Protein backbone atom coordinates (compact mmCIF):
# COMPACT_ATOMS: atom_id res chain seq x y z
CA UNK A 1 -50.48 -0.79 -26.10
CA UNK A 2 -47.55 0.93 -28.21
CA UNK A 3 -47.77 3.92 -29.88
CA UNK A 4 -45.88 4.86 -33.24
CA UNK A 5 -43.98 7.48 -31.44
CA UNK A 6 -42.72 4.82 -28.65
CA UNK A 7 -41.73 2.48 -31.29
CA UNK A 8 -39.71 5.16 -33.20
CA UNK A 9 -38.08 6.27 -30.04
CA UNK A 10 -37.13 2.78 -28.39
CA UNK A 11 -33.25 2.56 -27.85
CA UNK A 12 -31.27 -0.47 -28.15
CA UNK A 13 -29.64 -1.87 -24.94
CA UNK A 14 -26.69 -4.09 -24.13
CA UNK A 15 -28.95 -7.12 -24.18
CA UNK A 16 -31.89 -8.04 -26.75
CA UNK A 17 -35.12 -6.98 -25.18
CA UNK A 18 -38.95 -7.40 -25.90
CA UNK A 19 -41.59 -4.30 -25.67
CA UNK A 20 -45.02 -5.83 -25.67
CA UNK A 21 -47.99 -4.45 -27.63
CA UNK A 22 -51.18 -6.36 -27.33
CA UNK A 23 -52.62 -9.72 -28.21
CA UNK A 24 -49.15 -11.35 -27.87
CA UNK A 25 -47.40 -9.00 -30.42
CA UNK A 26 -44.22 -7.63 -29.42
CA UNK A 27 -41.09 -5.58 -30.72
CA UNK A 28 -37.82 -7.40 -30.34
CA UNK A 29 -34.91 -4.83 -30.21
CA UNK A 30 -31.49 -6.24 -30.51
CA UNK A 31 -28.26 -4.32 -29.34
CA UNK A 32 -27.25 -3.83 -32.79
CA UNK A 33 -30.62 -1.56 -33.25
CA UNK A 34 -32.43 -4.09 -35.25
CA UNK A 35 -36.15 -4.15 -34.38
CA UNK A 36 -38.52 -7.17 -35.29
CA UNK A 37 -42.00 -7.77 -34.88
CA UNK A 38 -42.91 -11.34 -33.42
CA UNK A 39 -45.91 -13.11 -32.07
CA UNK A 40 -45.59 -16.07 -29.54
CA UNK A 41 -48.29 -18.66 -29.60
CA UNK A 42 -49.16 -22.35 -28.88
CA UNK A 43 -50.43 -24.69 -31.38
CA UNK A 44 -51.12 -28.24 -30.81
CA UNK A 45 -49.50 -28.19 -27.63
CA UNK A 46 -46.32 -26.60 -28.91
CA UNK A 47 -44.79 -23.23 -27.96
CA UNK A 48 -43.92 -21.28 -31.31
CA UNK A 49 -42.91 -17.95 -32.61
CA UNK A 50 -44.12 -16.26 -35.71
CA UNK A 51 -42.03 -13.63 -37.44
CA UNK A 52 -44.29 -10.58 -38.58
CA UNK A 53 -41.62 -8.33 -40.19
CA UNK A 54 -38.97 -5.87 -39.42
CA UNK A 55 -39.41 -2.42 -38.31
CA UNK A 56 -39.60 0.16 -39.87
CA UNK A 57 -40.24 -1.39 -43.16
CA UNK A 58 -43.29 -3.06 -41.39
CA UNK A 59 -44.82 -0.19 -39.29
CA UNK A 60 -47.05 -0.94 -35.95
CA UNK A 61 -50.20 -0.84 -37.83
CA UNK A 62 -49.16 -3.21 -40.63
CA UNK A 63 -47.68 -5.44 -37.80
CA UNK A 64 -50.99 -5.43 -35.86
CA UNK A 65 -52.87 -6.40 -39.18
CA UNK A 66 -50.29 -9.46 -39.72
CA UNK A 67 -51.09 -10.35 -35.96
CA UNK A 68 -54.84 -10.31 -36.71
CA UNK A 69 -54.51 -12.73 -39.73
CA UNK A 70 -52.26 -15.25 -37.77
CA UNK A 71 -54.91 -15.17 -34.86
CA UNK A 72 -57.80 -15.76 -37.30
CA UNK A 73 -55.82 -18.99 -38.47
CA UNK A 74 -55.35 -20.04 -35.06
CA UNK A 75 -58.97 -19.70 -34.26
CA UNK A 76 -59.85 -21.96 -37.10
CA UNK A 77 -57.20 -24.54 -35.92
CA UNK A 78 -54.43 -23.66 -38.49
CA UNK A 79 -51.03 -23.13 -37.45
CA UNK A 80 -50.01 -19.46 -39.13
CA UNK A 81 -46.30 -20.57 -39.48
CA UNK A 82 -47.24 -23.75 -41.40
CA UNK A 83 -49.52 -21.89 -43.56
CA UNK A 84 -46.81 -19.22 -44.30
CA UNK A 85 -44.61 -22.01 -45.52
CA UNK A 86 -47.44 -23.20 -47.82
CA UNK A 87 -47.89 -19.94 -49.29
CA UNK A 88 -44.27 -19.64 -50.39
CA UNK A 89 -40.72 -21.10 -49.67
CA UNK A 90 -39.06 -19.55 -46.83
CA UNK A 91 -35.59 -17.91 -47.03
CA UNK A 92 -34.36 -21.00 -45.17
CA UNK A 93 -35.87 -23.26 -47.73
CA UNK A 94 -34.55 -21.48 -50.73
CA UNK A 95 -31.03 -21.20 -48.92
CA UNK A 96 -31.10 -24.86 -48.38
CA UNK A 97 -31.79 -25.53 -52.15
CA UNK A 98 -29.20 -22.92 -53.08
CA UNK A 99 -26.32 -24.59 -50.76
CA UNK A 100 -27.48 -28.08 -52.28
CA UNK A 101 -26.73 -26.99 -55.62
CA UNK A 102 -23.67 -24.63 -54.88
CA UNK A 103 -21.83 -27.17 -52.51
CA UNK A 104 -21.46 -29.74 -55.36
CA UNK A 105 -18.53 -27.74 -56.60
CA UNK A 106 -16.88 -26.91 -53.25
CA UNK A 107 -14.85 -28.77 -50.73
CA UNK A 108 -16.68 -30.69 -48.45
CA UNK A 109 -15.62 -29.12 -45.02
CA UNK A 110 -15.88 -25.52 -46.66
CA UNK A 111 -19.52 -26.16 -47.77
CA UNK A 112 -20.36 -27.68 -44.51
CA UNK A 113 -18.82 -24.38 -42.78
CA UNK A 114 -21.04 -22.07 -44.72
CA UNK A 115 -24.14 -24.13 -44.17
CA UNK A 116 -23.28 -24.09 -40.36
CA UNK A 117 -23.01 -20.05 -40.60
CA UNK A 118 -26.25 -19.74 -42.00
CA UNK A 119 -27.66 -22.20 -39.47
CA UNK A 120 -26.43 -20.21 -36.72
CA UNK A 121 -26.15 -16.77 -37.78
CA UNK A 122 -29.18 -16.26 -40.58
CA UNK A 123 -31.75 -18.57 -40.25
CA UNK A 124 -32.86 -17.77 -36.55
CA UNK A 125 -33.49 -14.25 -37.73
CA UNK A 126 -34.68 -14.29 -41.16
CA UNK A 127 -35.01 -18.01 -42.05
CA UNK A 128 -38.93 -18.07 -41.77
CA UNK A 129 -39.68 -15.06 -43.81
CA UNK A 130 -40.35 -15.03 -47.52
CA UNK A 131 -37.42 -13.86 -49.67
CA UNK A 132 -39.91 -11.52 -51.42
CA UNK A 133 -40.65 -9.76 -48.13
CA UNK A 134 -37.35 -9.42 -46.71
CA UNK A 135 -36.00 -5.91 -46.67
CA UNK A 136 -32.35 -4.86 -47.39
CA UNK A 137 -32.24 -3.72 -43.54
CA UNK A 138 -32.90 -7.35 -42.34
CA UNK A 139 -29.56 -8.42 -43.90
CA UNK A 140 -27.85 -5.23 -42.85
CA UNK A 141 -28.84 -5.99 -39.19
CA UNK A 142 -27.82 -9.88 -39.51
CA UNK A 143 -24.08 -8.53 -40.56
CA UNK A 144 -24.25 -6.03 -37.89
CA UNK A 145 -24.81 -8.56 -35.24
CA UNK A 146 -21.85 -10.49 -36.53
CA UNK A 147 -19.68 -7.39 -36.20
CA UNK A 148 -20.81 -6.75 -32.80
CA UNK A 149 -19.61 -10.02 -31.63
CA UNK A 150 -16.28 -9.46 -33.22
CA UNK A 151 -16.75 -11.65 -36.16
CA UNK A 152 -16.21 -9.18 -38.90
CA UNK A 153 -14.69 -11.50 -41.50
CA UNK A 154 -17.71 -13.77 -41.07
CA UNK A 155 -20.09 -10.86 -41.35
CA UNK A 156 -18.76 -10.23 -44.71
CA UNK A 157 -19.06 -13.65 -45.93
CA UNK A 158 -22.55 -13.87 -44.36
CA UNK A 159 -23.57 -10.97 -46.57
CA UNK A 160 -21.93 -12.75 -49.77
CA UNK A 161 -23.82 -15.78 -49.01
CA UNK A 162 -27.07 -14.09 -48.51
CA UNK A 163 -26.47 -12.24 -51.86
CA UNK A 164 -25.95 -15.61 -53.74
CA UNK A 165 -28.93 -16.89 -52.15
CA UNK A 166 -31.40 -14.08 -53.04
CA UNK A 167 -29.83 -14.13 -56.52
CA UNK A 168 -30.92 -17.88 -56.52
CA UNK A 169 -34.26 -16.69 -55.18
CA UNK A 170 -34.78 -14.41 -58.10
CA UNK A 171 -33.64 -16.82 -60.65
CA UNK A 172 -36.11 -19.48 -59.34
CA UNK A 173 -39.21 -16.73 -59.07
CA UNK A 174 -39.11 -16.98 -55.21
CA UNK A 175 -38.36 -13.17 -55.36
CA UNK A 176 -38.42 -10.20 -57.98
CA UNK A 177 -35.12 -8.63 -56.72
CA UNK A 178 -32.00 -9.09 -54.62
CA UNK A 179 -32.18 -6.75 -51.69
CA UNK A 180 -28.55 -7.44 -50.55
CA UNK A 181 -27.20 -5.78 -53.62
CA UNK A 182 -28.42 -2.60 -51.68
CA UNK A 183 -25.89 -3.32 -48.76
CA UNK A 184 -22.34 -2.73 -49.37
CA UNK A 185 -20.17 -4.01 -46.75
CA UNK A 186 -18.06 -0.91 -46.64
CA UNK A 187 -21.07 1.13 -45.84
CA UNK A 188 -22.02 -0.81 -42.83
CA UNK A 189 -18.97 -2.83 -41.37
CA UNK A 190 -15.78 -1.42 -40.09
CA UNK A 191 -12.68 -1.90 -42.54
CA UNK A 192 -10.93 -4.82 -41.91
CA UNK A 193 -6.99 -4.83 -41.46
CA UNK A 194 -5.19 -6.22 -44.23
CA UNK A 195 -2.95 -9.00 -43.10
CA UNK A 196 0.64 -8.28 -44.16
CA UNK A 197 3.08 -11.51 -44.16
CA UNK A 198 6.42 -10.79 -43.15
CA UNK A 199 8.76 -11.03 -46.11
CA UNK A 200 12.54 -9.83 -46.61
CA UNK A 201 13.37 -7.18 -48.82
CA UNK A 202 14.94 -7.53 -52.24
CA UNK A 203 18.41 -6.80 -50.60
CA UNK A 204 18.11 -9.45 -48.20
CA UNK A 205 16.97 -12.31 -50.64
CA UNK A 206 20.28 -13.42 -51.75
CA UNK A 207 21.39 -14.09 -48.31
CA UNK A 208 18.19 -16.07 -47.46
CA UNK A 209 18.98 -18.14 -50.49
CA UNK A 210 22.37 -19.15 -49.20
CA UNK A 211 21.05 -19.73 -45.84
CA UNK A 212 18.57 -22.19 -47.36
CA UNK A 213 21.28 -23.90 -49.24
CA UNK A 214 23.26 -24.21 -46.11
CA UNK A 215 20.47 -25.32 -43.93
CA UNK A 216 21.48 -28.13 -41.59
CA UNK A 217 18.02 -29.29 -40.38
CA UNK A 218 15.97 -32.09 -42.12
CA UNK A 219 16.92 -32.68 -45.91
CA UNK A 220 13.18 -32.69 -46.86
CA UNK A 221 12.74 -29.24 -45.25
CA UNK A 222 15.74 -27.72 -46.94
CA UNK A 223 14.40 -28.92 -50.38
CA UNK A 224 10.86 -27.68 -49.83
CA UNK A 225 12.18 -24.29 -49.04
CA UNK A 226 14.16 -24.30 -52.25
CA UNK A 227 11.18 -25.59 -54.21
CA UNK A 228 8.98 -22.93 -52.61
CA UNK A 229 11.42 -20.00 -53.68
CA UNK A 230 11.35 -21.39 -57.33
CA UNK A 231 7.54 -22.11 -57.67
CA UNK A 232 6.13 -19.42 -55.29
CA UNK A 233 3.11 -21.70 -54.61
CA UNK A 234 1.03 -21.55 -51.37
CA UNK A 235 2.46 -23.63 -48.43
CA UNK A 236 -0.42 -25.82 -48.25
CA UNK A 237 -0.06 -26.66 -52.03
CA UNK A 238 3.45 -27.28 -51.58
CA UNK A 239 3.44 -29.48 -48.61
CA UNK A 240 0.52 -31.32 -49.83
CA UNK A 241 2.23 -32.41 -53.22
CA UNK A 242 2.41 -36.00 -54.42
CA UNK A 243 4.38 -37.57 -56.90
CA UNK A 244 1.70 -38.31 -59.52
CA UNK A 245 1.02 -34.55 -59.85
CA UNK A 246 4.57 -34.16 -61.41
CA UNK A 247 5.48 -34.78 -65.30
CA UNK A 248 9.36 -33.99 -65.24
CA UNK A 249 9.67 -34.92 -68.92
CA UNK A 250 6.98 -32.23 -69.80
CA UNK A 251 8.45 -29.80 -67.02
CA UNK A 252 5.23 -29.09 -65.38
CA UNK A 253 3.35 -29.74 -62.07
CA UNK A 254 -0.29 -30.21 -62.34
CA UNK A 255 -1.96 -29.15 -59.02
CA UNK A 256 -5.44 -30.59 -58.85
CA UNK A 257 -8.58 -28.37 -58.07
CA UNK A 258 -9.22 -29.84 -54.65
CA UNK A 259 -5.85 -28.79 -53.32
CA UNK A 260 -5.98 -25.12 -54.73
CA UNK A 261 -7.41 -22.12 -52.77
CA UNK A 262 -9.56 -21.03 -55.60
CA UNK A 263 -10.81 -24.81 -56.40
CA UNK A 264 -9.67 -24.79 -59.85
CA UNK A 265 -6.70 -26.69 -61.39
CA UNK A 266 -3.22 -25.09 -61.37
CA UNK A 267 -0.27 -25.58 -63.72
CA UNK A 268 3.28 -24.84 -62.48
CA UNK A 269 5.89 -24.62 -65.11
CA UNK A 270 9.08 -26.19 -63.89
CA UNK A 271 12.28 -24.71 -64.39
CA UNK A 272 15.59 -26.74 -64.81
CA UNK A 273 16.36 -25.80 -61.21
CA UNK A 274 13.04 -27.09 -59.97
CA UNK A 275 13.51 -30.24 -61.82
CA UNK A 276 16.87 -30.63 -60.04
CA UNK A 277 15.43 -30.24 -56.48
CA UNK A 278 12.57 -32.88 -57.36
CA UNK A 279 15.07 -35.14 -58.56
CA UNK A 280 17.04 -34.85 -55.06
CA UNK A 281 13.60 -35.20 -53.59
CA UNK A 282 12.88 -38.34 -55.63
CA UNK A 283 16.08 -40.00 -54.49
CA UNK A 284 15.00 -39.75 -50.65
CA UNK A 285 11.26 -40.40 -51.30
CA UNK A 286 11.55 -44.19 -50.75
CA UNK A 287 8.60 -44.76 -53.12
CA UNK A 288 6.28 -42.82 -51.00
CA UNK A 289 3.28 -40.99 -52.66
CA UNK A 290 3.91 -37.80 -50.62
CA UNK A 291 6.76 -35.42 -51.69
CA UNK A 292 7.07 -33.93 -48.40
CA UNK A 293 6.19 -36.52 -45.80
CA UNK A 294 6.03 -35.65 -42.09
CA UNK A 295 8.93 -36.76 -39.73
CA UNK A 296 6.34 -38.40 -37.11
CA UNK A 297 3.81 -39.86 -39.55
CA UNK A 298 5.03 -40.34 -43.28
CA UNK A 299 1.79 -41.20 -44.20
CA UNK A 300 0.64 -37.37 -43.86
CA UNK A 301 2.29 -34.29 -45.29
CA UNK A 302 4.64 -32.17 -43.14
CA UNK A 303 3.30 -29.27 -41.15
CA UNK A 304 3.29 -25.92 -42.36
CA UNK A 305 5.04 -25.03 -39.11
CA UNK A 306 8.07 -27.16 -40.16
CA UNK A 307 8.91 -24.65 -42.90
CA UNK A 308 8.17 -21.64 -40.70
CA UNK A 309 10.31 -22.84 -37.66
CA UNK A 310 13.05 -23.75 -40.12
CA UNK A 311 13.00 -20.11 -41.12
CA UNK A 312 13.15 -19.01 -37.53
CA UNK A 313 16.18 -21.31 -36.97
CA UNK A 314 17.99 -19.26 -39.52
CA UNK A 315 17.29 -16.27 -38.02
CA UNK A 316 14.11 -14.95 -39.77
CA UNK A 317 11.51 -14.86 -37.24
CA UNK A 318 9.33 -11.85 -37.84
CA UNK A 319 11.29 -11.32 -41.22
CA UNK A 320 10.01 -14.17 -43.60
CA UNK A 321 7.17 -16.80 -43.85
CA UNK A 322 6.25 -19.28 -46.47
CA UNK A 323 3.77 -16.60 -48.23
CA UNK A 324 6.57 -14.33 -48.23
CA UNK A 325 8.03 -16.02 -51.05
CA UNK A 326 4.98 -15.16 -53.03
CA UNK A 327 5.24 -11.52 -52.33
CA UNK A 328 9.06 -11.41 -53.02
CA UNK A 329 8.53 -13.06 -56.70
CA UNK A 330 5.66 -10.85 -57.56
CA UNK A 331 7.37 -7.58 -56.72
CA UNK A 332 10.66 -8.61 -58.57
CA UNK A 333 8.79 -10.13 -61.52
CA UNK A 334 6.69 -6.90 -61.78
CA UNK A 335 9.85 -4.81 -61.51
CA UNK A 336 11.47 -7.10 -64.32
CA UNK A 337 8.43 -6.05 -66.54
CA UNK A 338 7.06 -9.53 -66.93
CA UNK A 339 3.22 -9.38 -67.85
CA UNK A 340 0.87 -8.64 -65.03
CA UNK A 341 -1.55 -11.35 -66.32
CA UNK A 342 1.28 -13.85 -66.55
CA UNK A 343 2.31 -13.17 -62.80
CA UNK A 344 -1.23 -13.39 -61.55
CA UNK A 345 -1.90 -16.60 -63.27
CA UNK A 346 1.17 -18.22 -61.91
CA UNK A 347 0.25 -17.03 -58.41
CA UNK A 348 -3.23 -18.45 -58.91
CA UNK A 349 -4.78 -15.17 -57.67
CA UNK A 350 -7.84 -15.12 -60.33
CA UNK A 351 -11.22 -15.64 -59.43
CA UNK A 352 -12.67 -18.03 -61.86
CA UNK A 353 -16.15 -18.81 -62.76
CA UNK A 354 -17.08 -22.50 -63.75
CA UNK A 355 -16.81 -21.86 -67.28
CA UNK A 356 -13.29 -20.30 -67.40
CA UNK A 357 -11.95 -22.39 -64.84
CA UNK A 358 -11.39 -25.48 -67.31
CA UNK A 359 -9.27 -22.98 -69.49
CA UNK A 360 -7.60 -20.22 -67.44
CA UNK A 361 -5.37 -22.42 -65.60
CA UNK A 362 -3.75 -23.36 -69.04
CA UNK A 363 -3.60 -19.98 -70.21
CA UNK A 364 -0.01 -18.58 -71.39
CA UNK A 365 2.01 -21.74 -70.55
CA UNK A 366 4.77 -21.07 -72.72
CA UNK A 367 5.58 -17.65 -71.84
CA UNK A 368 4.74 -18.56 -68.22
CA UNK A 369 7.20 -21.45 -68.75
CA UNK A 370 10.05 -18.80 -69.80
CA UNK A 371 9.07 -16.44 -66.90
CA UNK A 372 9.73 -19.26 -64.33
CA UNK A 373 12.99 -20.46 -65.94
CA UNK A 374 14.19 -16.76 -66.05
CA UNK A 375 13.15 -16.51 -62.18
CA UNK A 376 15.18 -19.34 -61.27
CA UNK A 377 18.07 -18.15 -63.12
CA UNK A 378 17.73 -14.73 -61.40
CA UNK A 379 17.78 -16.66 -58.20
CA UNK A 380 20.81 -18.48 -59.07
CA UNK A 381 22.52 -15.16 -60.22
CA UNK A 382 21.70 -13.48 -56.72
CA UNK A 383 23.35 -16.69 -54.98
CA UNK A 384 26.34 -16.34 -56.98
CA UNK A 385 26.60 -12.67 -56.25
CA UNK A 386 26.00 -13.15 -52.54
CA UNK A 387 28.59 -15.91 -52.30
CA UNK A 388 31.28 -13.64 -54.09
CA UNK A 389 30.53 -11.04 -51.40
CA UNK A 390 30.85 -13.82 -48.89
CA UNK A 391 33.07 -16.69 -50.12
CA UNK A 392 32.66 -18.84 -46.95
CA UNK A 393 29.23 -19.44 -47.89
CA UNK A 394 30.03 -21.06 -51.23
CA UNK A 395 28.84 -20.43 -54.67
CA UNK A 396 25.92 -22.41 -55.65
CA UNK A 397 24.46 -23.09 -59.11
CA UNK A 398 22.59 -25.59 -60.89
CA UNK A 399 24.41 -27.11 -64.03
CA UNK A 400 22.86 -26.28 -67.23
CA UNK A 401 21.75 -22.80 -66.38
CA UNK A 402 23.63 -19.28 -66.71
CA UNK A 403 24.32 -18.99 -63.02
CA UNK A 404 25.40 -22.59 -62.66
CA UNK A 405 27.88 -22.48 -65.56
CA UNK A 406 29.34 -19.34 -64.12
CA UNK A 407 29.54 -21.02 -60.69
CA UNK A 408 31.21 -23.85 -62.14
């Protein structure tokens, strides 16, 4: 038999271990430090495990009391796990209800990945418990297990999902409070290293623009880089573009929600220069639906690596990526005193709830259109200045724009 002193003093090891008490009760100790009361039993010829709580929220005496209740049920031919489910919905049941509702507005693959994470990393530990009986420490321990195996980002996402599930549980009277609110990732997980995408400095941008203009690779690749510089959309949003998304007469590009990272629609006002690039692309589209078809399989979009390797061939390995155009645009537009809200909307950075999603993507369209035209004119001006410093590169400009008229 265990004593309170033994239970308090137990130390985690490199592997999970079990410390037996009596009558089938044992304490499972995980490498992360989590300690769980468990009871193994057989019912109707099947071996089962009943979760009896998390130590120290459930002390030794309380665990033994729960064990006695479970054994009494068994003595009367009742499966304690089945009775527990009858008494109330388990965390897994509530989680699957939440997922069924939540996933209707999410991309299929993303929603499936969230469910798989819950099934592999959460349900085995707290799935059989009632939401109202799960302490904050249980969610902490789930996250620490993931951190211990090096899955730091997954640990953060699992905590977020558990918080959403418990909020759903409270809203549907399966719990009175959300214990995940007491667990802040910054308090229990190592700080994550921010990913910094390589990007050229402001002084190197003019040279990059001229290098793109003079790129001797595929024409679709050259024009894709030009359009990315003008619109600073994400690489995936660019290469997946389809002609029905563009209204050149209205000077706008409507990217549907299913192709956006935030899963809400996004409008890109098109500058004169962007429409000119699209005109060149239209001339070589051969009536295909895709704006940027792949070289090997024209029925699929070009790979994001196509753009990255083009930058490599131009000498920008480790200095520039497709994402770098977004960072450069954000820096320069802020320096030029364009409103932060307009820039963030154009970068599609906003987290949008279901109500505002239908409206936010269309906010500030007129001033954003002016900003995008000014941005394109600024890029032309940088080209003009760079070509004057290096006449061999040649002056570049689009008719109908300030830089284009000067270059002409």
